[in-house]
C-alpha cells in the first residue's frame, strides 16, 4: 500500500522558477544580500530606507527589516533595484 504524503501544491512562481531554471529571487520579491568582506554590502529587492545614519542603516524588505550596523556607513549607489552601502560593516540581521 502506498503512503499518501501531505504536500502543498506548488505555487505558479515556484513552477515557473523550476521550468525556466532561474534563481528564486529573480521571480520573487525576496531580497538578495551580497557582501564583499566587511567593507561593502549590496541589497537587491528592498522596499525603502527606514533609517540612515553613519552607524545604522535599516532597509524595508519582504522578509522584514534588514538592519546594518557599522562605522562610517554610506549609501554609495541606489537605484529602484538595489542599494550599495560602503563602510566598515560590524553586524547585519533581519528583524521580523
PDB file of N, CA and C in Angstrom:
ATOM      1  N   UNK A   1       0.837  -1.179   0.000  1.00  0.00           N
ATOM      2  CA  UNK A   1       0.000   0.000   0.000  1.00  0.00           C
ATOM      3  C   UNK A   1       0.881   1.241   0.000  1.00  0.00           C
ATOM      4  N   UNK A   2       0.577   2.156  -0.890  1.00  0.00           N
ATOM      5  CA  UNK A   2       1.360   3.381  -0.970  1.00  0.00           C
ATOM      6  C   UNK A   2       0.901   4.371   0.090  1.00  0.00           C
ATOM      7  N   UNK A   3       1.891   5.067   0.622  1.00  0.00           N
ATOM      8  CA  UNK A   3       1.631   6.045   1.648  1.00  0.00           C
ATOM      9  C   UNK A   3       1.299   7.392   1.013  1.00  0.00           C
ATOM     10  N   UNK A   4       0.241   8.030   1.490  1.00  0.00           N
ATOM     11  CA  UNK A   4      -0.102   9.355   0.985  1.00  0.00           C
ATOM     12  C   UNK A   4       0.759  10.385   1.693  1.00  0.00           C
ATOM     13  N   UNK A   5       1.253  11.301   0.942  1.00  0.00           N
ATOM     14  CA  UNK A   5       2.075  12.364   1.514  1.00  0.00           C
ATOM     15  C   UNK A   5       1.308  13.667   1.438  1.00  0.00           C
ATOM     16  N   UNK A   6       1.389  14.413   2.504  1.00  0.00           N
ATOM     17  CA  UNK A   6       0.733  15.719   2.540  1.00  0.00           C
ATOM     18  C   UNK A   6       1.665  16.746   1.937  1.00  0.00           C
ATOM     19  N   UNK A   7       1.442  17.074   0.695  1.00  0.00           N
ATOM     20  CA  UNK A   7       2.260  18.067   0.000  1.00  0.00           C
ATOM     21  C   UNK A   7       1.391  19.245  -0.378  1.00  0.00           C
ATOM     22  N   UNK A   8       1.957  20.420  -0.212  1.00  0.00           N
ATOM     23  CA  UNK A   8       1.270  21.621  -0.659  1.00  0.00           C
ATOM     24  C   UNK A   8       1.426  21.736  -2.163  1.00  0.00           C
ATOM     25  N   UNK A   9       0.395  22.188  -2.848  1.00  0.00           N
ATOM     26  CA  UNK A   9       0.571  22.400  -4.285  1.00  0.00           C
ATOM     27  C   UNK A   9       1.595  23.515  -4.520  1.00  0.00           C
ATOM     28  N   UNK A  10       2.427  23.333  -5.529  1.00  0.00           N
ATOM     29  CA  UNK A  10       3.444  24.333  -5.832  1.00  0.00           C
ATOM     30  C   UNK A  10       2.799  25.595  -6.385  1.00  0.00           C
ATOM     31  N   UNK A  11       3.323  26.730  -5.982  1.00  0.00           N
ATOM     32  CA  UNK A  11       2.812  27.991  -6.500  1.00  0.00           C
ATOM     33  C   UNK A  11       3.266  28.172  -7.945  1.00  0.00           C
ATOM     34  N   UNK A  12       2.580  29.052  -8.636  1.00  0.00           N
ATOM     35  CA  UNK A  12       2.925  29.336 -10.030  1.00  0.00           C
ATOM     36  C   UNK A  12       4.347  29.874 -10.128  1.00  0.00           C
ATOM     37  N   UNK A  13       4.740  30.740  -9.189  1.00  0.00           N
ATOM     38  CA  UNK A  13       6.106  31.282  -9.199  1.00  0.00           C
ATOM     39  C   UNK A  13       7.134  30.178  -9.033  1.00  0.00           C
ATOM     40  N   UNK A  14       6.845  29.246  -8.132  1.00  0.00           N
ATOM     41  CA  UNK A  14       7.769  28.143  -7.896  1.00  0.00           C
ATOM     42  C   UNK A  14       7.892  27.261  -9.134  1.00  0.00           C
ATOM     43  N   UNK A  15       6.772  26.968  -9.780  1.00  0.00           N
ATOM     44  CA  UNK A  15       6.787  26.158 -11.003  1.00  0.00           C
ATOM     45  C   UNK A  15       7.555  26.869 -12.113  1.00  0.00           C
ATOM     46  N   UNK A  16       7.324  28.174 -12.253  1.00  0.00           N
ATOM     47  CA  UNK A  16       7.999  28.966 -13.273  1.00  0.00           C
ATOM     48  C   UNK A  16       9.504  28.997 -13.041  1.00  0.00           C
ATOM     49  N   UNK A  17       9.896  29.134 -11.779  1.00  0.00           N
ATOM     50  CA  UNK A  17      11.318  29.141 -11.425  1.00  0.00           C
ATOM     51  C   UNK A  17      11.995  27.845 -11.845  1.00  0.00           C
ATOM     52  N   UNK A  18      11.331  26.718 -11.571  1.00  0.00           N
ATOM     53  CA  UNK A  18      11.897  25.420 -11.938  1.00  0.00           C
ATOM     54  C   UNK A  18      11.946  25.231 -13.449  1.00  0.00           C
ATOM     55  N   UNK A  19      10.860  25.620 -14.141  1.00  0.00           N
ATOM     56  CA  UNK A  19      10.807  25.436 -15.594  1.00  0.00           C
ATOM     57  C   UNK A  19      11.862  26.258 -16.320  1.00  0.00           C
ATOM     58  N   UNK A  20      12.050  27.503 -15.878  1.00  0.00           N
ATOM     59  CA  UNK A  20      12.995  28.392 -16.552  1.00  0.00           C
ATOM     60  C   UNK A  20      14.408  28.269 -16.013  1.00  0.00           C
ATOM     61  N   UNK A  21      14.569  27.492 -14.939  1.00  0.00           N
ATOM     62  CA  UNK A  21      15.872  27.287 -14.319  1.00  0.00           C
ATOM     63  C   UNK A  21      16.540  28.614 -13.958  1.00  0.00           C
ATOM     64  N   UNK A  22      15.779  29.460 -13.235  1.00  0.00           N
ATOM     65  CA  UNK A  22      16.300  30.746 -12.776  1.00  0.00           C
ATOM     66  C   UNK A  22      16.303  30.754 -11.250  1.00  0.00           C
ATOM     67  N   UNK A  23      17.150  31.567 -10.652  1.00  0.00           N
ATOM     68  CA  UNK A  23      17.172  31.652  -9.188  1.00  0.00           C
ATOM     69  C   UNK A  23      15.832  32.169  -8.659  1.00  0.00           C
ATOM     70  N   UNK A  24      15.393  31.699  -7.497  1.00  0.00           N
ATOM     71  CA  UNK A  24      14.097  32.108  -6.949  1.00  0.00           C
ATOM     72  C   UNK A  24      13.963  33.614  -6.738  1.00  0.00           C
ATOM     73  N   UNK A  25      15.058  34.301  -6.393  1.00  0.00           N
ATOM     74  CA  UNK A  25      14.961  35.736  -6.130  1.00  0.00           C
ATOM     75  C   UNK A  25      14.647  36.549  -7.382  1.00  0.00           C
ATOM     76  N   UNK A  26      14.833  35.947  -8.565  1.00  0.00           N
ATOM     77  CA  UNK A  26      14.548  36.655  -9.812  1.00  0.00           C
ATOM     78  C   UNK A  26      13.046  36.823 -10.001  1.00  0.00           C
ATOM     79  N   UNK A  27      12.250  35.803  -9.668  1.00  0.00           N
ATOM     80  CA  UNK A  27      10.804  35.881  -9.863  1.00  0.00           C
ATOM     81  C   UNK A  27      10.058  36.229  -8.580  1.00  0.00           C
ATOM     82  N   UNK A  28      10.739  36.287  -7.462  1.00  0.00           N
ATOM     83  CA  UNK A  28      10.093  36.677  -6.215  1.00  0.00           C
ATOM     84  C   UNK A  28      10.581  38.057  -5.805  1.00  0.00           C
ATOM     85  N   UNK A  29       9.975  38.569  -4.755  1.00  0.00           N
ATOM     86  CA  UNK A  29      10.391  39.873  -4.243  1.00  0.00           C
ATOM     87  C   UNK A  29      11.330  39.733  -3.061  1.00  0.00           C
ATOM     88  N   UNK A  30      11.923  38.548  -2.883  1.00  0.00           N
ATOM     89  CA  UNK A  30      12.826  38.340  -1.762  1.00  0.00           C
ATOM     90  C   UNK A  30      14.114  39.130  -1.969  1.00  0.00           C
ATOM     91  N   UNK A  31      14.668  39.671  -0.893  1.00  0.00           N
ATOM     92  CA  UNK A  31      15.912  40.421  -1.040  1.00  0.00           C
ATOM     93  C   UNK A  31      17.091  39.505  -1.300  1.00  0.00           C
ATOM     94  N   UNK A  32      18.038  40.009  -2.039  1.00  0.00           N
ATOM     95  CA  UNK A  32      19.307  39.303  -2.237  1.00  0.00           C
ATOM     96  C   UNK A  32      20.380  40.200  -1.634  1.00  0.00           C
ATOM     97  N   UNK A  33      21.137  39.643  -0.693  1.00  0.00           N
ATOM     98  CA  UNK A  33      22.158  40.396   0.028  1.00  0.00           C
ATOM     99  C   UNK A  33      23.516  39.816  -0.330  1.00  0.00           C
ATOM    100  N   UNK A  34      24.398  40.663  -0.874  1.00  0.00           N
ATOM    101  CA  UNK A  34      25.736  40.231  -1.266  1.00  0.00           C
ATOM    102  C   UNK A  34      26.746  41.115  -0.543  1.00  0.00           C
ATOM    103  N   UNK A  35      27.661  40.470   0.190  1.00  0.00           N
ATOM    104  CA  UNK A  35      28.696  41.227   0.908  1.00  0.00           C
ATOM    105  C   UNK A  35      30.050  40.987   0.283  1.00  0.00           C
ATOM    106  N   UNK A  36      30.865  42.030   0.263  1.00  0.00           N
ATOM    107  CA  UNK A  36      32.265  41.936  -0.139  1.00  0.00           C
ATOM    108  C   UNK A  36      33.093  42.209   1.113  1.00  0.00           C
ATOM    109  N   UNK A  37      33.493  41.121   1.766  1.00  0.00           N
ATOM    110  CA  UNK A  37      34.203  41.278   3.035  1.00  0.00           C
ATOM    111  C   UNK A  37      33.317  41.980   4.033  1.00  0.00           C
ATOM    112  N   UNK A  38      33.908  42.879   4.809  1.00  0.00           N
ATOM    113  CA  UNK A  38      33.097  43.686   5.724  1.00  0.00           C
ATOM    114  C   UNK A  38      33.115  45.156   5.311  1.00  0.00           C
ATOM    115  N   UNK A  39      33.434  45.417   4.033  1.00  0.00           N
ATOM    116  CA  UNK A  39      33.558  46.788   3.551  1.00  0.00           C
ATOM    117  C   UNK A  39      32.419  47.237   2.626  1.00  0.00           C
ATOM    118  N   UNK A  40      31.634  46.288   2.089  1.00  0.00           N
ATOM    119  CA  UNK A  40      30.579  46.660   1.153  1.00  0.00           C
ATOM    120  C   UNK A  40      29.456  45.641   1.204  1.00  0.00           C
ATOM    121  N   UNK A  41      28.238  46.135   1.071  1.00  0.00           N
ATOM    122  CA  UNK A  41      27.073  45.267   1.013  1.00  0.00           C
ATOM    123  C   UNK A  41      26.132  45.805  -0.060  1.00  0.00           C
ATOM    124  N   UNK A  42      25.598  44.898  -0.865  1.00  0.00           N
ATOM    125  CA  UNK A  42      24.651  45.261  -1.916  1.00  0.00           C
ATOM    126  C   UNK A  42      23.348  44.520  -1.636  1.00  0.00           C
ATOM    127  N   UNK A  43      22.250  45.260  -1.600  1.00  0.00           N
ATOM    128  CA  UNK A  43      20.946  44.672  -1.312  1.00  0.00           C
ATOM    129  C   UNK A  43      20.030  44.944  -2.498  1.00  0.00           C
ATOM    130  N   UNK A  44      19.523  43.856  -3.095  1.00  0.00           N
ATOM    131  CA  UNK A  44      18.565  43.967  -4.184  1.00  0.00           C
ATOM    132  C   UNK A  44      17.175  43.665  -3.639  1.00  0.00           C
ATOM    133  N   UNK A  45      16.157  44.198  -4.290  1.00  0.00           N
ATOM    134  CA  UNK A  45      14.749  43.981  -3.914  1.00  0.00           C
ATOM    135  C   UNK A  45      14.438  44.493  -2.512  1.00  0.00           C
ATOM    136  N   UNK A  46      14.821  45.723  -2.223  1.00  0.00           N
ATOM    137  CA  UNK A  46      14.459  46.318  -0.943  1.00  0.00           C
ATOM    138  C   UNK A  46      13.324  47.310  -1.182  1.00  0.00           C
ATOM    139  N   UNK A  47      12.577  47.599  -0.119  1.00  0.00           N
ATOM    140  CA  UNK A  47      11.390  48.430  -0.268  1.00  0.00           C
ATOM    141  C   UNK A  47      11.562  49.878   0.133  1.00  0.00           C
ATOM    142  N   UNK A  48      12.723  50.240   0.642  1.00  0.00           N
ATOM    143  CA  UNK A  48      12.950  51.622   1.037  1.00  0.00           C
ATOM    144  C   UNK A  48      13.863  51.714   2.239  1.00  0.00           C
ATOM    145  N   UNK A  49      14.350  52.918   2.487  1.00  0.00           N
ATOM    146  CA  UNK A  49      15.234  53.174   3.625  1.00  0.00           C
ATOM    147  C   UNK A  49      14.381  53.661   4.788  1.00  0.00           C
ATOM    148  N   UNK A  50      14.500  52.992   5.933  1.00  0.00           N
ATOM    149  CA  UNK A  50      13.750  53.379   7.122  1.00  0.00           C
ATOM    150  C   UNK A  50      14.576  54.235   8.072  1.00  0.00           C
ATOM    151  N   UNK A  51      15.884  53.992   8.092  1.00  0.00           N
ATOM    152  CA  UNK A  51      16.797  54.764   8.946  1.00  0.00           C
ATOM    153  C   UNK A  51      18.139  54.848   8.242  1.00  0.00           C
ATOM    154  N   UNK A  52      18.769  56.028   8.344  1.00  0.00           N
ATOM    155  CA  UNK A  52      20.061  56.212   7.688  1.00  0.00           C
ATOM    156  C   UNK A  52      20.935  57.096   8.557  1.00  0.00           C
ATOM    157  N   UNK A  53      21.913  56.479   9.215  1.00  0.00           N
ATOM    158  CA  UNK A  53      22.941  57.225   9.938  1.00  0.00           C
ATOM    159  C   UNK A  53      24.279  56.601   9.560  1.00  0.00           C
ATOM    160  N   UNK A  54      25.362  57.195  10.020  1.00  0.00           N
ATOM    161  CA  UNK A  54      26.684  56.639   9.703  1.00  0.00           C
ATOM    162  C   UNK A  54      26.968  55.353  10.483  1.00  0.00           C
ATOM    163  N   UNK A  55      26.123  55.046  11.506  1.00  0.00           N
ATOM    164  CA  UNK A  55      26.310  53.820  12.282  1.00  0.00           C
ATOM    165  C   UNK A  55      25.245  52.752  12.002  1.00  0.00           C
ATOM    166  N   UNK A  56      24.078  53.150  11.516  1.00  0.00           N
ATOM    167  CA  UNK A  56      22.975  52.209  11.310  1.00  0.00           C
ATOM    168  C   UNK A  56      22.198  52.556  10.054  1.00  0.00           C
ATOM    169  N   UNK A  57      21.937  51.534   9.249  1.00  0.00           N
ATOM    170  CA  UNK A  57      21.044  51.690   8.099  1.00  0.00           C
ATOM    171  C   UNK A  57      20.012  50.573   8.197  1.00  0.00           C
ATOM    172  N   UNK A  58      18.738  50.953   8.156  1.00  0.00           N
ATOM    173  CA  UNK A  58      17.650  49.978   8.200  1.00  0.00           C
ATOM    174  C   UNK A  58      16.884  50.045   6.884  1.00  0.00           C
ATOM    175  N   UNK A  59      16.717  48.867   6.249  1.00  0.00           N
ATOM    176  CA  UNK A  59      16.030  48.782   4.962  1.00  0.00           C
ATOM    177  C   UNK A  59      14.795  47.901   5.091  1.00  0.00           C
ATOM    178  N   UNK A  60      13.705  48.327   4.466  1.00  0.00           N
ATOM    179  CA  UNK A  60      12.482  47.535   4.455  1.00  0.00           C
ATOM    180  C   UNK A  60      12.586  46.473   3.361  1.00  0.00           C
ATOM    181  N   UNK A  61      12.248  45.216   3.674  1.00  0.00           N
ATOM    182  CA  UNK A  61      12.240  44.127   2.695  1.00  0.00           C
ATOM    183  C   UNK A  61      11.016  43.259   2.938  1.00  0.00           C
ATOM    184  N   UNK A  62      10.754  42.336   2.019  1.00  0.00           N
ATOM    185  CA  UNK A  62       9.638  41.390   2.167  1.00  0.00           C
ATOM    186  C   UNK A  62       9.858  40.421   3.319  1.00  0.00           C
ATOM    187  N   UNK A  63      11.115  40.231   3.735  1.00  0.00           N
ATOM    188  CA  UNK A  63      11.450  39.302   4.830  1.00  0.00           C
ATOM    189  C   UNK A  63      11.461  39.982   6.189  1.00  0.00           C
ATOM    190  N   UNK A  64      11.250  41.258   6.227  1.00  0.00           N
ATOM    191  CA  UNK A  64      11.355  42.016   7.463  1.00  0.00           C
ATOM    192  C   UNK A  64      12.333  43.164   7.255  1.00  0.00           C
ATOM    193  N   UNK A  65      12.742  43.767   8.330  1.00  0.00           N
ATOM    194  CA  UNK A  65      13.648  44.911   8.268  1.00  0.00           C
ATOM    195  C   UNK A  65      15.088  44.412   8.342  1.00  0.00           C
ATOM    196  N   UNK A  66      15.887  44.791   7.350  1.00  0.00           N
ATOM    197  CA  UNK A  66      17.306  44.449   7.333  1.00  0.00           C
ATOM    198  C   UNK A  66      18.063  45.572   8.032  1.00  0.00           C
ATOM    199  N   UNK A  67      18.757  45.229   9.111  1.00  0.00           N
ATOM    200  CA  UNK A  67      19.499  46.214   9.904  1.00  0.00           C
ATOM    201  C   UNK A  67      20.986  45.990   9.683  1.00  0.00           C
ATOM    202  N   UNK A  68      21.670  47.070   9.314  1.00  0.00           N
ATOM    203  CA  UNK A  68      23.114  47.025   9.082  1.00  0.00           C
ATOM    204  C   UNK A  68      23.759  47.977  10.080  1.00  0.00           C
ATOM    205  N   UNK A  69      24.649  47.450  10.914  1.00  0.00           N
ATOM    206  CA  UNK A  69      25.390  48.271  11.881  1.00  0.00           C
ATOM    207  C   UNK A  69      26.840  48.342  11.425  1.00  0.00           C
ATOM    208  N   UNK A  70      27.450  49.511  11.603  1.00  0.00           N
ATOM    209  CA  UNK A  70      28.836  49.644  11.213  1.00  0.00           C
ATOM    210  C   UNK A  70      29.424  50.989  11.563  1.00  0.00           C
ATOM    211  N   UNK A  71      30.537  51.281  10.927  1.00  0.00           N
ATOM    212  CA  UNK A  71      31.266  52.533  11.137  1.00  0.00           C
ATOM    213  C   UNK A  71      31.396  53.214   9.787  1.00  0.00           C
ATOM    214  N   UNK A  72      31.089  54.494   9.751  1.00  0.00           N
ATOM    215  CA  UNK A  72      31.192  55.312   8.533  1.00  0.00           C
ATOM    216  C   UNK A  72      30.413  54.697   7.365  1.00  0.00           C
ATOM    217  N   UNK A  73      29.179  54.245   7.651  1.00  0.00           N
ATOM    218  CA  UNK A  73      28.347  53.671   6.601  1.00  0.00           C
ATOM    219  C   UNK A  73      27.843  54.767   5.678  1.00  0.00           C
ATOM    220  N   UNK A  74      27.832  54.463   4.392  1.00  0.00           N
ATOM    221  CA  UNK A  74      27.407  55.447   3.395  1.00  0.00           C
ATOM    222  C   UNK A  74      26.795  54.718   2.204  1.00  0.00           C
ATOM    223  N   UNK A  75      25.622  55.181   1.786  1.00  0.00           N
ATOM    224  CA  UNK A  75      24.995  54.629   0.576  1.00  0.00           C
ATOM    225  C   UNK A  75      25.744  55.203  -0.621  1.00  0.00           C
ATOM    226  N   UNK A  76      26.435  54.356  -1.355  1.00  0.00           N
ATOM    227  CA  UNK A  76      27.231  54.793  -2.499  1.00  0.00           C
ATOM    228  C   UNK A  76      26.400  54.880  -3.769  1.00  0.00           C
ATOM    229  N   UNK A  77      25.582  53.857  -3.993  1.00  0.00           N
ATOM    230  CA  UNK A  77      24.734  53.812  -5.187  1.00  0.00           C
ATOM    231  C   UNK A  77      23.357  53.341  -4.770  1.00  0.00           C
ATOM    232  N   UNK A  78      22.335  53.925  -5.394  1.00  0.00           N
ATOM    233  CA  UNK A  78      20.985  53.472  -5.111  1.00  0.00           C
ATOM    234  C   UNK A  78      20.132  53.652  -6.352  1.00  0.00           C
ATOM    235  N   UNK A  79      19.463  52.571  -6.755  1.00  0.00           N
ATOM    236  CA  UNK A  79      18.510  52.615  -7.851  1.00  0.00           C
ATOM    237  C   UNK A  79      17.206  52.004  -7.343  1.00  0.00           C
ATOM    238  N   UNK A  80      16.225  51.878  -8.210  1.00  0.00           N
ATOM    239  CA  UNK A  80      14.969  51.231  -7.833  1.00  0.00           C
ATOM    240  C   UNK A  80      15.184  49.748  -7.550  1.00  0.00           C
ATOM    241  N   UNK A  81      16.255  49.155  -8.092  1.00  0.00           N
ATOM    242  CA  UNK A  81      16.502  47.725  -7.941  1.00  0.00           C
ATOM    243  C   UNK A  81      17.438  47.376  -6.789  1.00  0.00           C
ATOM    244  N   UNK A  82      18.406  48.249  -6.470  1.00  0.00           N
ATOM    245  CA  UNK A  82      19.394  47.869  -5.458  1.00  0.00           C
ATOM    246  C   UNK A  82      19.985  49.099  -4.769  1.00  0.00           C
ATOM    247  N   UNK A  83      20.667  48.811  -3.649  1.00  0.00           N
ATOM    248  CA  UNK A  83      21.429  49.829  -2.928  1.00  0.00           C
ATOM    249  C   UNK A  83      22.781  49.215  -2.570  1.00  0.00           C
ATOM    250  N   UNK A  84      23.843  49.997  -2.718  1.00  0.00           N
ATOM    251  CA  UNK A  84      25.187  49.578  -2.328  1.00  0.00           C
ATOM    252  C   UNK A  84      25.634  50.462  -1.175  1.00  0.00           C
ATOM    253  N   UNK A  85      26.036  49.820  -0.092  1.00  0.00           N
ATOM    254  CA  UNK A  85      26.466  50.530   1.110  1.00  0.00           C
ATOM    255  C   UNK A  85      27.916  50.187   1.373  1.00  0.00           C
ATOM    256  N   UNK A  86      28.717  51.228   1.622  1.00  0.00           N
ATOM    257  CA  UNK A  86      30.133  51.029   1.933  1.00  0.00           C
ATOM    258  C   UNK A  86      30.425  51.562   3.323  1.00  0.00           C
ATOM    259  N   UNK A  87      31.480  51.039   3.910  1.00  0.00           N
ATOM    260  CA  UNK A  87      31.897  51.396   5.255  1.00  0.00           C
ATOM    261  C   UNK A  87      32.423  50.140   5.928  1.00  0.00           C
ATOM    262  N   UNK A  88      32.649  50.206   7.225  1.00  0.00           N
ATOM    263  CA  UNK A  88      33.062  49.032   7.971  1.00  0.00           C
ATOM    264  C   UNK A  88      31.807  48.394   8.569  1.00  0.00           C
ATOM    265  N   UNK A  89      31.433  47.241   8.046  1.00  0.00           N
ATOM    266  CA  UNK A  89      30.205  46.580   8.485  1.00  0.00           C
ATOM    267  C   UNK A  89      30.536  45.696   9.669  1.00  0.00           C
ATOM    268  N   UNK A  90      29.822  45.934  10.759  1.00  0.00           N
ATOM    269  CA  UNK A  90      30.056  45.192  12.004  1.00  0.00           C
ATOM    270  C   UNK A  90      29.036  44.062  12.165  1.00  0.00           C
ATOM    271  N   UNK A  91      27.789  44.354  11.804  1.00  0.00           N
ATOM    272  CA  UNK A  91      26.734  43.359  12.027  1.00  0.00           C
ATOM    273  C   UNK A  91      25.581  43.607  11.062  1.00  0.00           C
ATOM    274  N   UNK A  92      24.976  42.519  10.566  1.00  0.00           N
ATOM    275  CA  UNK A  92      23.738  42.636   9.786  1.00  0.00           C
ATOM    276  C   UNK A  92      22.763  41.603  10.308  1.00  0.00           C
ATOM    277  N   UNK A  93      21.484  41.902  10.167  1.00  0.00           N
ATOM    278  CA  UNK A  93      20.466  40.949  10.617  1.00  0.00           C
ATOM    279  C   UNK A  93      19.087  41.408  10.207  1.00  0.00           C
ATOM    280  N   UNK A  94      18.141  40.477  10.275  1.00  0.00           N
ATOM    281  CA  UNK A  94      16.739  40.772   9.961  1.00  0.00           C
ATOM    282  C   UNK A  94      15.941  40.875  11.253  1.00  0.00           C
ATOM    283  N   UNK A  95      15.043  41.839  11.301  1.00  0.00           N
ATOM    284  CA  UNK A  95      14.077  41.973  12.376  1.00  0.00           C
ATOM    285  C   UNK A  95      12.725  41.667  11.750  1.00  0.00           C
ATOM    286  N   UNK A  96      12.093  40.602  12.221  1.00  0.00           N
ATOM    287  CA  UNK A  96      10.808  40.190  11.637  1.00  0.00           C
ATOM    288  C   UNK A  96       9.659  40.458  12.567  1.00  0.00           C
TER     289      UNK A  96
END
